[in-house]
């Protein structure tokens, strides 16, 4: 009769050999740490952060969403790092109405400190990627951090690339403190906007339907003056709207809009927000 015990040392040797060399030391069925999902609060890959929190409004690739495109070369060249940080951290509110109310837009705060889902470093990933600034993720005693860096080994190149500098003629992105004039705004509007948006912003009829109406109090209440200025400057290329410089669908005598022109347009749109001329 064969003694089972005589085979025990051989079995143990085979198991040890399997653990030491076969399967890279992993038992069958044991998860590979490299395949473990990254918790959302620790995710630092731009495509994952953007896809989860931004794509629903701004489009899968930063274009063609309900909200203005983020992957717009002119916008990315113009917007400052600090402006992106302010909006991502604190969200954006609409302009104050006669009632004193400031409606919340759909751009909510994203920073943990303001009740949002993103950590400070995740916000910085979005800022660097949208702005087109190469960066590295480094370890610090307080955890991972973002460092802006030159292209090179270990540097992450933004997924959307680095935008070219804005044209010298482009108006400043930030809303100036000066107030515009509604009457002057009507003149600018007639030359730059009316062909698409209709007289007094009431839209145009095409194939029996009204299109491109912007004299809409609900829309304007949810759109800040800063966002209006941004759209006037950059246009909405994804929707066929020209920027401050382009002559598409504009009169032959159209000239590039200046910062002063846009201030007056802002004044006009603000007057429509509170029930101005229809």
C-alpha atoms as a PDB file:
ATOM      1  CA  UNK A   1       0.000   0.000   0.000  1.00  0.00           C
ATOM      2  CA  UNK A   2       1.412   3.380  -1.062  1.00  0.00           C
ATOM      3  CA  UNK A   3       2.104   5.891   1.735  1.00  0.00           C
ATOM      4  CA  UNK A   4       0.471   9.288   0.765  1.00  0.00           C
ATOM      5  CA  UNK A   5       2.896  11.083   3.029  1.00  0.00           C
ATOM      6  CA  UNK A   6       5.846  10.237   0.816  1.00  0.00           C
ATOM      7  CA  UNK A   7       4.473  12.577  -1.911  1.00  0.00           C
ATOM      8  CA  UNK A   8       3.896  15.598   0.408  1.00  0.00           C
ATOM      9  CA  UNK A   9       7.408  17.104   0.001  1.00  0.00           C
ATOM     10  CA  UNK A  10       7.100  16.911  -3.797  1.00  0.00           C
ATOM     11  CA  UNK A  11       3.685  18.623  -3.735  1.00  0.00           C
ATOM     12  CA  UNK A  12       5.026  21.405  -1.512  1.00  0.00           C
ATOM     13  CA  UNK A  13       8.016  21.921  -3.805  1.00  0.00           C
ATOM     14  CA  UNK A  14       5.725  22.218  -6.832  1.00  0.00           C
ATOM     15  CA  UNK A  15       3.479  24.746  -5.054  1.00  0.00           C
ATOM     16  CA  UNK A  16       6.496  26.819  -4.042  1.00  0.00           C
ATOM     17  CA  UNK A  17       7.830  26.712  -7.584  1.00  0.00           C
ATOM     18  CA  UNK A  18       4.474  27.868  -8.912  1.00  0.00           C
ATOM     19  CA  UNK A  19       4.304  30.756  -6.441  1.00  0.00           C
ATOM     20  CA  UNK A  20       7.898  31.750  -7.082  1.00  0.00           C
ATOM     21  CA  UNK A  21       8.042  31.577 -10.879  1.00  0.00           C
ATOM     22  CA  UNK A  22       4.686  30.646 -12.351  1.00  0.00           C
ATOM     23  CA  UNK A  23       1.901  33.262 -12.669  1.00  0.00           C
ATOM     24  CA  UNK A  24       4.332  35.912 -11.373  1.00  0.00           C
ATOM     25  CA  UNK A  25       3.776  34.728  -7.844  1.00  0.00           C
ATOM     26  CA  UNK A  26      -0.036  35.129  -7.998  1.00  0.00           C
ATOM     27  CA  UNK A  27      -2.472  32.457  -7.018  1.00  0.00           C
ATOM     28  CA  UNK A  28      -5.185  31.721  -9.594  1.00  0.00           C
ATOM     29  CA  UNK A  29      -8.120  34.082  -9.164  1.00  0.00           C
ATOM     30  CA  UNK A  30      -6.173  36.693  -7.200  1.00  0.00           C
ATOM     31  CA  UNK A  31      -6.822  40.205  -8.639  1.00  0.00           C
ATOM     32  CA  UNK A  32      -3.897  41.970 -10.279  1.00  0.00           C
ATOM     33  CA  UNK A  33      -3.363  45.313  -8.474  1.00  0.00           C
ATOM     34  CA  UNK A  34      -2.743  46.982 -11.845  1.00  0.00           C
ATOM     35  CA  UNK A  35      -6.266  46.056 -12.914  1.00  0.00           C
ATOM     36  CA  UNK A  36      -7.968  47.437  -9.801  1.00  0.00           C
ATOM     37  CA  UNK A  37     -10.303  50.383 -10.538  1.00  0.00           C
ATOM     38  CA  UNK A  38      -9.149  53.790  -9.308  1.00  0.00           C
ATOM     39  CA  UNK A  39     -11.612  55.421  -6.883  1.00  0.00           C
ATOM     40  CA  UNK A  40     -13.146  58.542  -8.443  1.00  0.00           C
ATOM     41  CA  UNK A  41     -11.685  60.820  -5.760  1.00  0.00           C
ATOM     42  CA  UNK A  42      -8.151  59.585  -6.575  1.00  0.00           C
ATOM     43  CA  UNK A  43      -8.425  59.608 -10.358  1.00  0.00           C
ATOM     44  CA  UNK A  44      -5.832  61.905 -11.940  1.00  0.00           C
ATOM     45  CA  UNK A  45      -6.203  61.021 -15.621  1.00  0.00           C
ATOM     46  CA  UNK A  46      -7.711  63.936 -17.556  1.00  0.00           C
ATOM     47  CA  UNK A  47      -9.907  61.814 -19.827  1.00  0.00           C
ATOM     48  CA  UNK A  48     -11.498  60.082 -16.830  1.00  0.00           C
ATOM     49  CA  UNK A  49     -12.080  63.305 -14.853  1.00  0.00           C
ATOM     50  CA  UNK A  50     -13.369  65.202 -17.881  1.00  0.00           C
ATOM     51  CA  UNK A  51     -15.536  62.324 -19.084  1.00  0.00           C
ATOM     52  CA  UNK A  52     -17.201  61.935 -15.685  1.00  0.00           C
ATOM     53  CA  UNK A  53     -17.733  65.604 -14.794  1.00  0.00           C
ATOM     54  CA  UNK A  54     -17.561  67.819 -17.911  1.00  0.00           C
ATOM     55  CA  UNK A  55     -18.430  65.946 -21.105  1.00  0.00           C
ATOM     56  CA  UNK A  56     -22.167  65.918 -20.413  1.00  0.00           C
ATOM     57  CA  UNK A  57     -22.353  69.702 -20.899  1.00  0.00           C
ATOM     58  CA  UNK A  58     -19.261  70.562 -22.956  1.00  0.00           C
ATOM     59  CA  UNK A  59     -19.168  67.562 -25.314  1.00  0.00           C
ATOM     60  CA  UNK A  60     -17.137  64.362 -25.351  1.00  0.00           C
ATOM     61  CA  UNK A  61     -14.115  66.039 -26.948  1.00  0.00           C
ATOM     62  CA  UNK A  62     -14.776  69.517 -25.591  1.00  0.00           C
ATOM     63  CA  UNK A  63     -16.938  70.580 -28.531  1.00  0.00           C
ATOM     64  CA  UNK A  64     -20.549  70.309 -29.628  1.00  0.00           C
ATOM     65  CA  UNK A  65     -22.160  70.329 -26.205  1.00  0.00           C
ATOM     66  CA  UNK A  66     -25.027  72.314 -24.733  1.00  0.00           C
ATOM     67  CA  UNK A  67     -22.516  74.586 -23.001  1.00  0.00           C
ATOM     68  CA  UNK A  68     -19.839  76.644 -24.790  1.00  0.00           C
ATOM     69  CA  UNK A  69     -16.953  74.490 -26.040  1.00  0.00           C
ATOM     70  CA  UNK A  70     -13.866  74.219 -23.866  1.00  0.00           C
ATOM     71  CA  UNK A  71     -11.779  72.746 -26.661  1.00  0.00           C
ATOM     72  CA  UNK A  72     -11.791  75.999 -28.625  1.00  0.00           C
ATOM     73  CA  UNK A  73      -8.318  77.302 -29.594  1.00  0.00           C
ATOM     74  CA  UNK A  74      -9.203  80.969 -29.135  1.00  0.00           C
ATOM     75  CA  UNK A  75     -10.885  80.406 -25.769  1.00  0.00           C
ATOM     76  CA  UNK A  76      -7.988  78.288 -24.518  1.00  0.00           C
ATOM     77  CA  UNK A  77      -5.465  80.925 -25.586  1.00  0.00           C
ATOM     78  CA  UNK A  78      -7.424  83.778 -23.998  1.00  0.00           C
ATOM     79  CA  UNK A  79      -8.765  82.449 -20.714  1.00  0.00           C
ATOM     80  CA  UNK A  80      -6.379  82.826 -17.802  1.00  0.00           C
ATOM     81  CA  UNK A  81      -5.359  80.078 -15.422  1.00  0.00           C
ATOM     82  CA  UNK A  82      -6.856  82.041 -12.528  1.00  0.00           C
ATOM     83  CA  UNK A  83     -10.211  82.445 -14.322  1.00  0.00           C
ATOM     84  CA  UNK A  84     -10.428  78.698 -14.917  1.00  0.00           C
ATOM     85  CA  UNK A  85      -9.598  78.039 -11.272  1.00  0.00           C
ATOM     86  CA  UNK A  86     -12.272  80.467 -10.074  1.00  0.00           C
ATOM     87  CA  UNK A  87     -15.009  78.963 -12.249  1.00  0.00           C
ATOM     88  CA  UNK A  88     -14.084  75.334 -11.638  1.00  0.00           C
ATOM     89  CA  UNK A  89     -13.768  75.838  -7.897  1.00  0.00           C
ATOM     90  CA  UNK A  90     -16.781  78.057  -7.329  1.00  0.00           C
ATOM     91  CA  UNK A  91     -19.063  77.567 -10.332  1.00  0.00           C
ATOM     92  CA  UNK A  92     -20.773  80.460 -12.088  1.00  0.00           C
ATOM     93  CA  UNK A  93     -23.855  82.468 -11.148  1.00  0.00           C
ATOM     94  CA  UNK A  94     -26.125  84.446 -13.413  1.00  0.00           C
ATOM     95  CA  UNK A  95     -26.340  88.214 -13.174  1.00  0.00           C
ATOM     96  CA  UNK A  96     -28.342  89.913 -10.426  1.00  0.00           C
ATOM     97  CA  UNK A  97     -31.965  90.524 -11.406  1.00  0.00           C
ATOM     98  CA  UNK A  98     -34.157  93.471 -10.266  1.00  0.00           C
ATOM     99  CA  UNK A  99     -35.470  91.202  -7.503  1.00  0.00           C
ATOM    100  CA  UNK A 100     -31.923  90.931  -6.127  1.00  0.00           C
ATOM    101  CA  UNK A 101     -31.783  87.241  -7.022  1.00  0.00           C
ATOM    102  CA  UNK A 102     -28.715  85.801  -8.720  1.00  0.00           C
ATOM    103  CA  UNK A 103     -29.861  82.625 -10.487  1.00  0.00           C
ATOM    104  CA  UNK A 104     -27.529  79.661 -10.356  1.00  0.00           C
ATOM    105  CA  UNK A 105     -26.366  78.548 -13.771  1.00  0.00           C
ATOM    106  CA  UNK A 106     -25.771  74.898 -14.586  1.00  0.00           C
ATOM    107  CA  UNK A 107     -22.045  75.455 -13.985  1.00  0.00           C
ATOM    108  CA  UNK A 108     -21.960  74.290 -10.367  1.00  0.00           C
ATOM    109  CA  UNK A 109     -18.960  74.423  -7.987  1.00  0.00           C
ATOM    110  CA  UNK A 110     -16.651  71.444  -8.456  1.00  0.00           C
ATOM    111  CA  UNK A 111     -14.177  71.887  -5.586  1.00  0.00           C
ATOM    112  CA  UNK A 112     -14.542  69.772  -2.445  1.00  0.00           C
ATOM    113  CA  UNK A 113     -14.293  72.980  -0.426  1.00  0.00           C
ATOM    114  CA  UNK A 114     -17.482  74.235  -2.086  1.00  0.00           C
ATOM    115  CA  UNK A 115     -19.407  70.978  -1.883  1.00  0.00           C
ATOM    116  CA  UNK A 116     -18.245  69.668  -5.256  1.00  0.00           C
ATOM    117  CA  UNK A 117     -16.837  66.260  -6.246  1.00  0.00           C
ATOM    118  CA  UNK A 118     -13.243  67.203  -7.156  1.00  0.00           C
ATOM    119  CA  UNK A 119     -10.094  67.478  -5.068  1.00  0.00           C
ATOM    120  CA  UNK A 120      -7.735  70.424  -5.481  1.00  0.00           C
ATOM    121  CA  UNK A 121      -5.330  68.397  -7.632  1.00  0.00           C
ATOM    122  CA  UNK A 122      -8.155  67.150  -9.884  1.00  0.00           C
ATOM    123  CA  UNK A 123      -9.206  70.763 -10.471  1.00  0.00           C
ATOM    124  CA  UNK A 124      -5.601  71.544 -11.409  1.00  0.00           C
ATOM    125  CA  UNK A 125      -5.521  68.660 -13.889  1.00  0.00           C
ATOM    126  CA  UNK A 126      -8.546  70.194 -15.637  1.00  0.00           C
ATOM    127  CA  UNK A 127      -7.023  73.691 -15.530  1.00  0.00           C
ATOM    128  CA  UNK A 128      -3.702  72.579 -17.040  1.00  0.00           C
ATOM    129  CA  UNK A 129      -5.335  70.438 -19.712  1.00  0.00           C
ATOM    130  CA  UNK A 130      -7.909  73.046 -20.794  1.00  0.00           C
ATOM    131  CA  UNK A 131      -5.327  75.818 -20.784  1.00  0.00           C
ATOM    132  CA  UNK A 132      -2.834  73.610 -22.641  1.00  0.00           C
ATOM    133  CA  UNK A 133      -0.031  73.773 -20.067  1.00  0.00           C
ATOM    134  CA  UNK A 134       2.294  70.718 -19.851  1.00  0.00           C
ATOM    135  CA  UNK A 135       2.616  69.419 -16.305  1.00  0.00           C
ATOM    136  CA  UNK A 136       3.985  66.727 -14.043  1.00  0.00           C
ATOM    137  CA  UNK A 137       2.357  64.977 -11.106  1.00  0.00           C
ATOM    138  CA  UNK A 138       4.815  64.813  -8.205  1.00  0.00           C
ATOM    139  CA  UNK A 139       4.730  63.270  -4.735  1.00  0.00           C
ATOM    140  CA  UNK A 140       4.815  65.558  -1.711  1.00  0.00           C
ATOM    141  CA  UNK A 141       4.435  64.890   2.030  1.00  0.00           C
ATOM    142  CA  UNK A 142       0.819  66.033   1.675  1.00  0.00           C
ATOM    143  CA  UNK A 143       0.126  63.793  -1.328  1.00  0.00           C
ATOM    144  CA  UNK A 144       0.344  64.193  -5.119  1.00  0.00           C
ATOM    145  CA  UNK A 145       0.609  67.700  -6.557  1.00  0.00           C
ATOM    146  CA  UNK A 146       0.696  69.354  -9.982  1.00  0.00           C
ATOM    147  CA  UNK A 147       3.805  71.144 -11.238  1.00  0.00           C
ATOM    148  CA  UNK A 148       3.746  73.138 -14.474  1.00  0.00           C
ATOM    149  CA  UNK A 149       6.726  72.030 -16.549  1.00  0.00           C
ATOM    150  CA  UNK A 150       8.358  72.216 -19.946  1.00  0.00           C
ATOM    151  CA  UNK A 151       7.887  69.325 -22.386  1.00  0.00           C
ATOM    152  CA  UNK A 152      10.277  66.495 -21.586  1.00  0.00           C
ATOM    153  CA  UNK A 153      10.664  63.222 -19.766  1.00  0.00           C
ATOM    154  CA  UNK A 154       7.903  62.654 -17.239  1.00  0.00           C
ATOM    155  CA  UNK A 155       5.872  65.622 -18.479  1.00  0.00           C
ATOM    156  CA  UNK A 156       2.230  65.131 -19.438  1.00  0.00           C
ATOM    157  CA  UNK A 157       1.284  66.842 -22.701  1.00  0.00           C
ATOM    158  CA  UNK A 158      -2.325  68.127 -22.662  1.00  0.00           C
ATOM    159  CA  UNK A 159      -4.684  65.852 -24.580  1.00  0.00           C
ATOM    160  CA  UNK A 160      -6.005  68.726 -26.695  1.00  0.00           C
ATOM    161  CA  UNK A 161      -2.524  70.009 -27.440  1.00  0.00           C
ATOM    162  CA  UNK A 162      -1.192  73.485 -26.789  1.00  0.00           C
ATOM    163  CA  UNK A 163      -3.156  76.318 -28.478  1.00  0.00           C
ATOM    164  CA  UNK A 164      -1.466  78.936 -30.620  1.00  0.00           C
ATOM    165  CA  UNK A 165      -1.263  82.471 -29.212  1.00  0.00           C
ATOM    166  CA  UNK A 166      -4.387  84.591 -29.740  1.00  0.00           C
ATOM    167  CA  UNK A 167      -4.332  87.245 -32.509  1.00  0.00           C
ATOM    168  CA  UNK A 168      -3.000  90.638 -31.442  1.00  0.00           C
ATOM    169  CA  UNK A 169      -6.363  92.224 -32.297  1.00  0.00           C
ATOM    170  CA  UNK A 170      -8.421  90.066 -29.929  1.00  0.00           C
ATOM    171  CA  UNK A 171     -10.268  91.927 -27.140  1.00  0.00           C
ATOM    172  CA  UNK A 172      -9.394  91.106 -23.554  1.00  0.00           C
ATOM    173  CA  UNK A 173     -11.240  88.069 -22.221  1.00  0.00           C
ATOM    174  CA  UNK A 174     -12.193  89.518 -18.834  1.00  0.00           C
ATOM    175  CA  UNK A 175     -15.222  91.770 -18.502  1.00  0.00           C
ATOM    176  CA  UNK A 176     -14.021  95.361 -17.889  1.00  0.00           C
ATOM    177  CA  UNK A 177     -15.541  97.472 -15.086  1.00  0.00           C
ATOM    178  CA  UNK A 178     -16.871 100.116 -17.502  1.00  0.00           C
ATOM    179  CA  UNK A 179     -20.577 100.165 -18.334  1.00  0.00           C
ATOM    180  CA  UNK A 180     -21.720 100.099 -21.932  1.00  0.00           C
ATOM    181  CA  UNK A 181     -24.419 102.100 -23.693  1.00  0.00           C
ATOM    182  CA  UNK A 182     -27.588 100.363 -24.888  1.00  0.00           C
ATOM    183  CA  UNK A 183     -28.088 102.704 -27.867  1.00  0.00           C
ATOM    184  CA  UNK A 184     -24.521 102.045 -29.033  1.00  0.00           C
ATOM    185  CA  UNK A 185     -25.092  98.363 -28.428  1.00  0.00           C
ATOM    186  CA  UNK A 186     -28.044  98.411 -30.835  1.00  0.00           C
ATOM    187  CA  UNK A 187     -25.797  99.844 -33.548  1.00  0.00           C
ATOM    188  CA  UNK A 188     -23.171  97.162 -33.013  1.00  0.00           C
ATOM    189  CA  UNK A 189     -25.852  94.487 -32.872  1.00  0.00           C
ATOM    190  CA  UNK A 190     -27.402  95.595 -36.177  1.00  0.00           C
ATOM    191  CA  UNK A 191     -24.062  95.217 -37.943  1.00  0.00           C
ATOM    192  CA  UNK A 192     -22.648  92.159 -36.213  1.00  0.00           C
ATOM    193  CA  UNK A 193     -25.555  90.029 -34.985  1.00  0.00           C
ATOM    194  CA  UNK A 194     -28.950  90.859 -36.521  1.00  0.00           C
ATOM    195  CA  UNK A 195     -28.449  88.825 -39.704  1.00  0.00           C
ATOM    196  CA  UNK A 196     -28.493  85.623 -37.629  1.00  0.00           C
ATOM    197  CA  UNK A 197     -30.440  86.559 -34.491  1.00  0.00           C
ATOM    198  CA  UNK A 198     -33.043  88.872 -36.000  1.00  0.00           C
ATOM    199  CA  UNK A 199     -34.070  92.405 -35.158  1.00  0.00           C
ATOM    200  CA  UNK A 200     -33.946  93.001 -31.392  1.00  0.00           C
ATOM    201  CA  UNK A 201     -32.733  89.443 -30.871  1.00  0.00           C
ATOM    202  CA  UNK A 202     -36.131  87.935 -31.623  1.00  0.00           C
ATOM    203  CA  UNK A 203     -34.722  85.246 -33.919  1.00  0.00           C
ATOM    204  CA  UNK A 204     -35.299  84.415 -37.580  1.00  0.00           C
ATOM    205  CA  UNK A 205     -37.814  82.125 -39.226  1.00  0.00           C
ATOM    206  CA  UNK A 206     -36.514  79.268 -41.331  1.00  0.00           C
ATOM    207  CA  UNK A 207     -38.697  76.528 -42.769  1.00  0.00           C
ATOM    208  CA  UNK A 208     -41.580  77.730 -40.622  1.00  0.00           C
ATOM    209  CA  UNK A 209     -39.668  77.597 -37.341  1.00  0.00           C
ATOM    210  CA  UNK A 210     -38.092  80.304 -35.206  1.00  0.00           C
ATOM    211  CA  UNK A 211     -34.340  79.949 -34.788  1.00  0.00           C
ATOM    212  CA  UNK A 212     -31.529  81.670 -32.873  1.00  0.00           C
ATOM    213  CA  UNK A 213     -33.613  83.843 -30.573  1.00  0.00           C
ATOM    214  CA  UNK A 214     -31.406  85.452 -27.913  1.00  0.00           C
ATOM    215  CA  UNK A 215     -33.806  88.076 -26.520  1.00  0.00           C
ATOM    216  CA  UNK A 216     -34.965  85.510 -23.988  1.00  0.00           C
ATOM    217  CA  UNK A 217     -35.063  86.424 -20.306  1.00  0.00           C
ATOM    218  CA  UNK A 218     -34.710  82.842 -19.093  1.00  0.00           C
ATOM    219  CA  UNK A 219     -31.613  82.270 -21.224  1.00  0.00           C
ATOM    220  CA  UNK A 220     -30.049  85.597 -20.310  1.00  0.00           C
ATOM    221  CA  UNK A 221     -30.788  85.173 -16.594  1.00  0.00           C
ATOM    222  CA  UNK A 222     -28.718  81.987 -16.636  1.00  0.00           C
ATOM    223  CA  UNK A 223     -25.901  83.512 -18.693  1.00  0.00           C
ATOM    224  CA  UNK A 224     -23.555  85.926 -16.954  1.00  0.00           C
ATOM    225  CA  UNK A 225     -22.172  89.038 -18.644  1.00  0.00           C
ATOM    226  CA  UNK A 226     -18.723  87.425 -18.557  1.00  0.00           C
ATOM    227  CA  UNK A 227     -20.000  84.359 -20.392  1.00  0.00           C
ATOM    228  CA  UNK A 228     -21.769  86.557 -22.952  1.00  0.00           C
ATOM    229  CA  UNK A 229     -18.518  88.435 -23.545  1.00  0.00           C
ATOM    230  CA  UNK A 230     -16.700  85.136 -23.985  1.00  0.00           C
ATOM    231  CA  UNK A 231     -19.208  83.888 -26.568  1.00  0.00           C
ATOM    232  CA  UNK A 232     -19.108  87.177 -28.502  1.00  0.00           C
ATOM    233  CA  UNK A 233     -15.302  86.989 -28.667  1.00  0.00           C
ATOM    234  CA  UNK A 234     -14.830  83.290 -29.397  1.00  0.00           C
ATOM    235  CA  UNK A 235     -18.105  82.605 -31.188  1.00  0.00           C
ATOM    236  CA  UNK A 236     -19.622  79.132 -31.136  1.00  0.00           C
ATOM    237  CA  UNK A 237     -17.759  77.453 -33.958  1.00  0.00           C
ATOM    238  CA  UNK A 238     -19.504  74.188 -33.114  1.00  0.00           C
ATOM    239  CA  UNK A 239     -22.858  75.866 -33.903  1.00  0.00           C
ATOM    240  CA  UNK A 240     -21.675  77.999 -36.823  1.00  0.00           C
ATOM    241  CA  UNK A 241     -21.541  81.274 -34.868  1.00  0.00           C
ATOM    242  CA  UNK A 242     -18.606  83.463 -36.022  1.00  0.00           C
ATOM    243  CA  UNK A 243     -16.154  84.961 -33.570  1.00  0.00           C
ATOM    244  CA  UNK A 244     -15.349  88.655 -33.078  1.00  0.00           C
ATOM    245  CA  UNK A 245     -13.269  88.730 -36.276  1.00  0.00           C
ATOM    246  CA  UNK A 246     -15.003  86.467 -38.795  1.00  0.00           C
ATOM    247  CA  UNK A 247     -17.301  87.881 -41.498  1.00  0.00           C
ATOM    248  CA  UNK A 248     -19.431  84.776 -42.006  1.00  0.00           C
ATOM    249  CA  UNK A 249     -23.103  85.795 -42.521  1.00  0.00           C
ATOM    250  CA  UNK A 250     -22.226  89.418 -41.746  1.00  0.00           C
ATOM    251  CA  UNK A 251     -22.482  92.564 -43.904  1.00  0.00           C
ATOM    252  CA  UNK A 252     -19.629  93.486 -46.238  1.00  0.00           C
ATOM    253  CA  UNK A 253     -18.830  96.543 -44.135  1.00  0.00           C
ATOM    254  CA  UNK A 254     -18.406  94.490 -40.952  1.00  0.00           C
ATOM    255  CA  UNK A 255     -15.178  95.159 -39.039  1.00  0.00           C
ATOM    256  CA  UNK A 256     -13.664  93.130 -36.218  1.00  0.00           C
ATOM    257  CA  UNK A 257     -15.363  93.877 -32.901  1.00  0.00           C
ATOM    258  CA  UNK A 258     -13.371  95.885 -30.393  1.00  0.00           C
ATOM    259  CA  UNK A 259     -13.500  95.606 -26.615  1.00  0.00           C
ATOM    260  CA  UNK A 260     -15.635  98.781 -26.562  1.00  0.00           C
ATOM    261  CA  UNK A 261     -18.062  97.284 -29.102  1.00  0.00           C
ATOM    262  CA  UNK A 262     -18.492  94.227 -26.899  1.00  0.00           C
ATOM    263  CA  UNK A 263     -19.046  96.328 -23.780  1.00  0.00           C
ATOM    264  CA  UNK A 264     -21.946  98.046 -25.585  1.00  0.00           C
ATOM    265  CA  UNK A 265     -23.315  94.686 -26.763  1.00  0.00           C
ATOM    266  CA  UNK A 266     -23.186  93.449 -23.174  1.00  0.00           C
ATOM    267  CA  UNK A 267     -25.206  96.488 -22.087  1.00  0.00           C
ATOM    268  CA  UNK A 268     -27.833  95.721 -24.718  1.00  0.00           C
ATOM    269  CA  UNK A 269     -28.095  92.042 -23.741  1.00  0.00           C
ATOM    270  CA  UNK A 270     -28.277  93.011 -20.068  1.00  0.00           C
ATOM    271  CA  UNK A 271     -31.227  95.281 -20.858  1.00  0.00           C
ATOM    272  CA  UNK A 272     -32.995  92.361 -22.533  1.00  0.00           C
ATOM    273  CA  UNK A 273     -32.324  90.223 -19.468  1.00  0.00           C
ATOM    274  CA  UNK A 274     -34.572  92.479 -17.395  1.00  0.00           C
ATOM    275  CA  UNK A 275     -37.304  92.822 -20.011  1.00  0.00           C
ATOM    276  CA  UNK A 276     -35.944  95.487 -22.355  1.00  0.00           C
ATOM    277  CA  UNK A 277     -37.205  96.046 -25.909  1.00  0.00           C
ATOM    278  CA  UNK A 278     -38.667  92.945 -27.489  1.00  0.00           C
END
